[in-house]
Amino acid sequence: MNFVDTIRSWRPLWRIITLTAEPTLLIPLGLLIFGWLWLSCSRRTALWFGGLWVLGASLLVLQKLLYYAFGISLASIRLFSISGHSYMASYLYGSLVVILCASWRRANRYIAYAGVLLLVLLVGVSRVAMFGHRMSEAIVGLLIGTALLFVFLRKGWRPAHARFPAWTLAVPAVVLFVALYGHVYEFETIFRRIGRSVRPDAIFYR
């Protein structure tokens, strides 16, 4: 058994990790962050966060539909369907940790950043280990989420302007996680069906 097969044999572990990035959990989390930013910071900050989130999601959905409907892909790097789990984990968990740790000491912030970075990387690995995506698809999802997070932090995020303490976001975020963790909805199946309805004779890789 080679290294990749060994990693994939840890399927129960990877399922636990991949469930932390399910859209059924992260979409409500993103809406919670948006609402908190709107009420606690400013409409400008919330719109930067929400606009970038929607932009990234729209790009991913468009790419998936183009592939499933017309077979458009980057086959040379085995990029057929970008990982939405990787994208949303990097953008949303990254945003959440930055917001919650804004008032922490620098050393503690870096520890928190390292923790969320590890989680995001493990989400990407889990998508490959669970045969949900190829490595290139997970990497591109991570890069898109990280790039948009960087734009949000540079252009939209102003920690000194928050009117509510961080725990007012942390507590409902934990409640959401506990309530929605483990719930799965196959959004990828919807994209496949839409693609096939647009062009039923398309050749599908999956």
Foldseek 3Di string as FASTA:
>chain_A
DDPLVVVLVVLVVLVLLLLLQACLQLVVLLVLVLVQCVVFFHPQLSCLLVVLVVVLVVVQLVQLLCCLQAVDADVVVPGRHADQSLQSLLQRVVVLLCLQCVPPDPVVSVVSNVVSVVSSVSNLSSCVSVVVGPNVRNVVSNVSNNVSNVVSVVPRDDNVRGRDHSVVSVVVSVVSCVVRRPDHDPVSVVSNVVSCVNPVPHDHPD
